Each structure stands twice: as structure tokens, then as C-alpha cells.
Amino acid sequence: MGARTPLIAGNWKMNLNSEESVNLVKALKEGITGNEGVDILVSPTFVNLAVVKLSIGDSGILLAAQNMHYEKNGAYTGEISSQMLLDVGCTHVILGHSERRSIFKETSEFINHKAKAATEMGLIPIVCIGETIEEREAGNAFAVIKDQLNGSLKNFKDVGKLPASTVLAYEPVWAIGTGKTASPEQAQEIHLFIRQWITDNFNPETASQIRILYGGSVKGDNASELMGKPDIDGALVGGASLTADAFLPIIKFKEN
């Protein structure tokens, strides 16, 4: 991984009430004492961002929202703006998660506007890309990933600059919540492809700095092997991030 600090991010999705969220953060804070060289991030529901931020305190755990709108304000009932996320203490925002793309029909063009808006306001976007099982079995995985990168990061391509703080997350749709995990070799192959895409569209320096996470049924017993690959810089964890017992072994992958 070179100089890239691993990032272990927990996407809690539509789970955990306020009390459960606070208790989980408390358990994580206790469990990560002495754990260095790894950035830790949690992403609760919108309604629990404030209480989680308070619970995080000075522990160094990062806070992300699970989505946002690209407009700063206005008549967008039910939406949340980047400024609102900043006000509540977020540093990051997850964009283009496969569930947003598939269930809510968000396009790469839409995600592109969000990524631009987040960056302009000082939020760090975690931009997700990934192929379905049908696309992989048809031999189209690389083409799908390339199309999603081209579309989701178009504004950055247009200006020829991708902030080094930007995080990308490769999450094969067929491995999310299914118990199936891309083999370390399969994941590394796509991560290397993504890093080469950054080199081709920006420059080698940016490619060497951008963190690319793997997401898809990451668990304590496979985290170390996945993270051992040279282009995998951490994990975007779903179900296994909902309890300290499951999440801490992933955070502590270096000890395995």
C-alpha cells in the first residue's frame, strides 16, 4: 500500500437506533485503543449523525453520511445537502453505492454532480463502483467499471484534477450481502485496473495517492488477505460493521 493509510469504513445502512449507534461507537472506541496506522470511519443513518458525532468525541473515528443531494438548498423534500452534513460534523459522504444505483436508479451522471458538490464544499466523497454477476459472467466487468468511473467522475476529468483525498470503493454487486466475496486476486485485478484508469485520466502521482477500498462481504477472517494486496487500501463494510465483535477484527486486520 506504500504511503496510503488503510481506511476501514462501516456503512450501517438503514440499521441501528440512536442508543444502539452510540453503544456501538463506545465499544469501537474501547476496542481500538492502541490500534494505529488505520483510519476508521462509520456511516450511520442521517437521523443518528449528530449523536454519533458526540459519541465519537476525540477518538479520531471519522464520520460519513450515506448519501446527499448536489444542491446546497431548495425545494428538495426529503433530501440532505452537503452543508447540512458539514454542520453535523461529517468529513466524508458515500456516493453511488450499488443500492443507490439499483434500487433508487441513480445514474453515474447524477453521482457525478454529487461528487463535485461534495468536493466543492470540503466533504470527501467515497465514490462506489461495481458490476453485477450478469455483467461479470458476460465478461463485461472492466467495461462496466470504466463506464462508471468515466461517468461518476466526469467533472474531475473535465478539469483534469482529482483531489488526492477522494476515496473510491470497488463493490462487486454480486458480493454485497450475499456472503460471497471476490477472491483477493479478483479484487486486486479490478483495483489495479481502477488505479491504472486514474493514471491514464489524471497522472501517476494522483493514482499513487488515491485510496481504493473493497466492499462486499468483508469479514474478520478474510480482511487480512484482501488488505494484503498492493492496490487494496481498506474496506467498505456493511453487515459486519453493525456489531463491535464483527467490525473490530476487520479494523485489526494487521494483527491476523
Protein backbone atom coordinates (compact mmCIF):
# COMPACT_ATOMS: atom_id res chain seq x y z
CA MET A 1 0.00 0.00 0.00
CA GLY A 2 3.01 2.28 0.23
CA ALA A 3 2.20 5.57 1.94
CA ARG A 4 -1.57 5.10 1.67
CA THR A 5 -3.11 4.68 5.12
CA PRO A 6 -5.70 1.89 5.14
CA LEU A 7 -9.28 3.04 5.68
CA ILE A 8 -11.86 0.73 7.25
CA ALA A 9 -15.33 2.19 6.75
CA GLY A 10 -18.54 0.89 8.28
CA ASN A 11 -21.72 1.57 6.31
CA TRP A 12 -24.55 0.93 8.74
CA LYS A 13 -27.23 1.39 6.06
CA MET A 14 -30.79 1.57 7.44
CA ASN A 15 -29.93 -0.08 10.74
CA LEU A 16 -29.44 0.80 14.44
CA ASN A 17 -31.43 3.27 16.52
CA SER A 18 -29.81 6.13 18.45
CA GLU A 19 -28.98 4.09 21.54
CA GLU A 20 -27.59 1.19 19.51
CA SER A 21 -25.50 3.58 17.42
CA VAL A 22 -23.99 5.26 20.49
CA ASN A 23 -23.29 1.92 22.17
CA LEU A 24 -21.53 0.65 19.05
CA VAL A 25 -19.30 3.71 18.88
CA LYS A 26 -18.43 3.34 22.57
CA ALA A 27 -17.47 -0.30 22.00
CA LEU A 28 -15.37 0.63 18.98
CA LYS A 29 -13.56 3.36 20.92
CA GLU A 30 -12.65 0.86 23.63
CA GLY A 31 -11.65 -1.78 21.12
CA ILE A 32 -9.34 0.36 19.01
CA THR A 33 -7.17 1.57 21.87
CA GLY A 34 -3.58 1.18 20.74
CA ASN A 35 -4.58 0.37 17.16
CA GLU A 36 -2.51 2.63 14.93
CA GLY A 37 -1.89 3.07 11.23
CA VAL A 38 -5.51 2.54 10.21
CA ASP A 39 -8.21 5.16 9.65
CA ILE A 40 -11.65 4.18 10.93
CA LEU A 41 -14.94 5.59 9.65
CA VAL A 42 -18.58 4.99 10.50
CA SER A 43 -21.63 5.94 8.45
CA PRO A 44 -24.89 5.90 10.41
CA THR A 45 -28.33 6.95 9.22
CA PHE A 46 -28.99 10.67 8.77
CA VAL A 47 -31.04 10.86 11.98
CA ASN A 48 -28.18 9.47 14.08
CA LEU A 49 -25.31 11.52 12.66
CA ALA A 50 -25.43 14.09 15.47
CA VAL A 51 -25.49 11.64 18.37
CA VAL A 52 -22.78 9.53 16.78
CA LYS A 53 -20.60 12.61 16.30
CA LEU A 54 -20.96 13.44 20.00
CA SER A 55 -20.12 9.86 20.96
CA ILE A 56 -17.05 9.82 18.70
CA GLY A 57 -15.56 12.73 20.64
CA ASP A 58 -11.80 13.00 20.18
CA SER A 59 -11.31 9.32 19.36
CA GLY A 60 -10.29 10.06 15.77
CA ILE A 61 -13.09 7.98 14.26
CA LEU A 62 -14.30 9.64 11.06
CA LEU A 63 -17.96 10.31 10.29
CA ALA A 64 -19.66 9.87 6.91
CA ALA A 65 -23.18 10.26 5.61
CA GLN A 66 -24.64 7.58 3.37
CA ASN A 67 -25.81 9.97 0.64
CA MET A 68 -26.51 13.63 -0.17
CA HIS A 69 -28.10 15.88 -2.78
CA TYR A 70 -25.90 18.01 -5.02
CA GLU A 71 -27.89 21.22 -4.49
CA LYS A 72 -26.98 23.36 -1.47
CA ASN A 73 -30.61 24.09 -0.52
CA GLY A 74 -34.06 24.44 -2.00
CA ALA A 75 -37.32 22.62 -2.63
CA TYR A 76 -35.99 19.05 -2.47
CA THR A 77 -38.25 17.37 0.05
CA GLY A 78 -36.55 14.55 1.91
CA GLU A 79 -33.03 15.43 0.75
CA ILE A 80 -29.89 16.45 2.67
CA SER A 81 -27.28 18.95 1.46
CA SER A 82 -23.52 18.94 1.82
CA GLN A 83 -23.67 21.98 4.12
CA MET A 84 -26.03 20.15 6.47
CA LEU A 85 -23.62 17.23 6.61
CA LEU A 86 -20.71 19.54 7.38
CA ASP A 87 -22.73 21.28 10.09
CA VAL A 88 -23.36 17.97 11.85
CA GLY A 89 -19.68 17.02 11.73
CA CYS A 90 -19.30 14.77 8.69
CA THR A 91 -15.97 14.64 6.90
CA HIS A 92 -17.00 12.10 4.25
CA VAL A 93 -20.05 11.06 2.25
CA ILE A 94 -20.73 7.76 0.47
CA LEU A 95 -21.93 8.28 -3.10
CA GLY A 96 -23.12 5.87 -5.77
CA HIS A 97 -23.47 2.83 -3.54
CA SER A 98 -24.84 -0.08 -5.55
CA GLU A 99 -28.11 0.12 -3.61
CA ARG A 100 -28.49 3.75 -4.64
CA ARG A 101 -27.76 2.81 -8.25
CA SER A 102 -30.01 -0.26 -8.39
CA ILE A 103 -32.90 0.46 -6.00
CA PHE A 104 -33.11 4.22 -6.42
CA LYS A 105 -31.99 4.28 -10.06
CA GLU A 106 -29.21 6.83 -9.54
CA THR A 107 -27.12 7.26 -12.66
CA SER A 108 -23.41 7.91 -12.88
CA GLU A 109 -24.29 11.39 -14.21
CA PHE A 110 -26.28 12.10 -11.03
CA ILE A 111 -23.48 10.76 -8.84
CA ASN A 112 -21.01 12.92 -10.75
CA HIS A 113 -22.92 16.07 -9.74
CA LYS A 114 -22.92 14.90 -6.12
CA ALA A 115 -19.19 14.18 -6.09
CA LYS A 116 -18.46 17.63 -7.50
CA ALA A 117 -20.74 19.34 -4.97
CA ALA A 118 -19.28 17.39 -2.05
CA THR A 119 -15.71 18.25 -3.00
CA GLU A 120 -16.50 21.93 -3.52
CA MET A 121 -17.94 22.10 0.00
CA GLY A 122 -15.00 20.30 1.59
CA LEU A 123 -16.56 16.87 2.05
CA ILE A 124 -14.56 13.85 0.92
CA PRO A 125 -16.60 11.65 -1.42
CA ILE A 126 -16.39 7.87 -1.23
CA VAL A 127 -17.46 7.03 -4.78
CA CYS A 128 -18.66 3.45 -5.29
CA ILE A 129 -18.46 1.40 -8.47
CA GLY A 130 -19.06 -2.25 -9.21
CA GLU A 131 -20.51 -4.80 -11.62
CA THR A 132 -23.40 -7.26 -11.31
CA ILE A 133 -22.94 -11.02 -11.57
CA GLU A 134 -24.53 -10.94 -15.05
CA GLU A 135 -22.05 -8.31 -16.21
CA ARG A 136 -19.11 -10.27 -14.80
CA GLU A 137 -20.20 -13.59 -16.29
CA ALA A 138 -20.66 -11.87 -19.68
CA GLY A 139 -17.05 -10.71 -19.49
CA ASN A 140 -18.04 -7.05 -19.16
CA ALA A 141 -16.73 -6.26 -15.67
CA PHE A 142 -13.90 -3.99 -16.83
CA ALA A 143 -16.11 -2.15 -19.32
CA VAL A 144 -18.77 -1.53 -16.66
CA ILE A 145 -16.20 -0.25 -14.16
CA LYS A 146 -14.69 2.04 -16.79
CA ASP A 147 -18.09 3.44 -17.77
CA GLN A 148 -18.99 4.09 -14.12
CA LEU A 149 -15.66 5.82 -13.46
CA ASN A 150 -15.96 7.93 -16.61
CA GLY A 151 -19.49 8.99 -15.70
CA SER A 152 -19.23 9.33 -11.93
CA LEU A 153 -16.00 11.36 -12.07
CA LYS A 154 -16.68 13.30 -15.28
CA ASN A 155 -16.44 16.73 -13.68
CA PHE A 156 -12.99 15.90 -12.33
CA LYS A 157 -11.92 14.60 -15.74
CA ASP A 158 -13.14 17.78 -17.39
CA VAL A 159 -10.87 19.93 -15.22
CA GLY A 160 -8.04 17.40 -15.24
CA LYS A 161 -7.75 17.16 -11.47
CA LEU A 162 -8.94 14.54 -8.97
CA PRO A 163 -8.31 15.52 -5.33
CA ALA A 164 -5.94 13.06 -3.68
CA SER A 165 -8.31 12.82 -0.71
CA THR A 166 -11.02 11.26 -2.90
CA VAL A 167 -11.83 7.67 -1.96
CA LEU A 168 -13.04 5.07 -4.45
CA ALA A 169 -14.76 1.86 -3.42
CA TYR A 170 -15.00 -1.22 -5.60
CA GLU A 171 -18.00 -3.25 -4.54
CA PRO A 172 -19.00 -6.12 -6.82
CA VAL A 173 -22.78 -6.11 -6.58
CA TRP A 174 -22.82 -9.91 -6.52
CA ALA A 175 -20.80 -9.91 -3.28
CA ILE A 176 -22.83 -7.39 -1.27
CA GLY A 177 -24.85 -9.00 1.50
CA THR A 178 -24.68 -12.36 -0.24
CA GLY A 179 -21.89 -13.97 1.74
CA LYS A 180 -19.92 -14.25 -1.49
CA THR A 181 -16.63 -12.41 -1.62
CA ALA A 182 -14.44 -11.64 -4.59
CA SER A 183 -11.23 -13.59 -4.18
CA PRO A 184 -8.24 -11.44 -3.22
CA GLU A 185 -6.96 -12.00 -6.75
CA GLN A 186 -10.25 -10.92 -8.37
CA ALA A 187 -10.42 -7.84 -6.17
CA GLN A 188 -6.79 -6.91 -6.81
CA GLU A 189 -7.29 -7.25 -10.56
CA ILE A 190 -10.11 -4.68 -10.53
CA HIS A 191 -8.32 -2.39 -8.08
CA LEU A 192 -5.25 -2.36 -10.30
CA PHE A 193 -7.49 -1.57 -13.29
CA ILE A 194 -9.02 1.36 -11.38
CA ARG A 195 -5.61 2.69 -10.39
CA GLN A 196 -4.45 2.48 -13.99
CA TRP A 197 -7.59 4.37 -15.04
CA ILE A 198 -6.62 7.15 -12.62
CA THR A 199 -3.11 7.22 -14.08
CA ASP A 200 -4.46 7.38 -17.63
CA ASN A 201 -7.03 10.09 -16.89
CA PHE A 202 -5.07 12.17 -14.38
CA ASN A 203 -1.47 11.29 -13.50
CA PRO A 204 0.65 8.65 -11.76
CA GLU A 205 1.05 10.76 -8.61
CA THR A 206 -2.69 11.02 -8.09
CA ALA A 207 -3.06 7.30 -8.79
CA SER A 208 -0.49 6.52 -6.12
CA GLN A 209 -2.33 8.63 -3.53
CA ILE A 210 -5.99 7.69 -4.05
CA ARG A 211 -7.32 5.09 -1.65
CA ILE A 212 -9.38 2.33 -3.25
CA LEU A 213 -11.49 0.26 -0.87
CA TYR A 214 -13.01 -3.16 -1.38
CA GLY A 215 -16.62 -3.76 -0.37
CA GLY A 216 -18.57 -7.00 -0.46
CA SER A 217 -18.99 -9.47 2.43
CA VAL A 218 -15.77 -8.41 4.15
CA LYS A 219 -15.29 -10.23 7.45
CA GLY A 220 -12.61 -10.68 10.05
CA ASP A 221 -11.45 -13.96 8.53
CA ASN A 222 -10.88 -12.60 5.01
CA ALA A 223 -9.89 -8.98 5.72
CA SER A 224 -6.18 -9.63 6.20
CA GLU A 225 -5.77 -11.48 2.90
CA LEU A 226 -7.76 -8.87 0.97
CA MET A 227 -5.83 -6.00 2.55
CA GLY A 228 -2.57 -7.73 1.77
CA LYS A 229 -2.98 -6.99 -1.92
CA PRO A 230 -0.97 -3.97 -3.12
CA ASP A 231 -3.86 -1.95 -4.55
CA ILE A 232 -6.49 -2.65 -1.88
CA ASP A 233 -6.36 0.18 0.63
CA GLY A 234 -9.11 -0.77 3.03
CA ALA A 235 -12.71 -1.91 3.15
CA LEU A 236 -16.23 -0.58 2.90
CA VAL A 237 -18.03 -2.89 5.30
CA GLY A 238 -21.79 -3.41 5.50
CA GLY A 239 -23.36 -6.03 7.74
CA ALA A 240 -20.18 -6.85 9.62
CA SER A 241 -19.90 -3.22 10.78
CA LEU A 242 -23.11 -3.39 12.82
CA THR A 243 -21.52 -5.04 15.87
CA ALA A 244 -18.19 -4.40 17.54
CA ASP A 245 -17.50 -8.13 17.72
CA ALA A 246 -17.65 -8.40 13.92
CA PHE A 247 -16.19 -5.00 13.00
CA LEU A 248 -13.17 -4.85 15.29
CA PRO A 249 -11.44 -7.92 13.79
CA ILE A 250 -11.64 -6.19 10.37
CA ILE A 251 -10.24 -2.97 11.81
CA LYS A 252 -7.44 -5.01 13.40
CA PHE A 253 -6.66 -6.94 10.21
CA LYS A 254 -2.94 -6.27 10.66
CA GLU A 255 -2.95 -8.46 13.75
CA ASN A 256 -4.22 -11.51 11.86
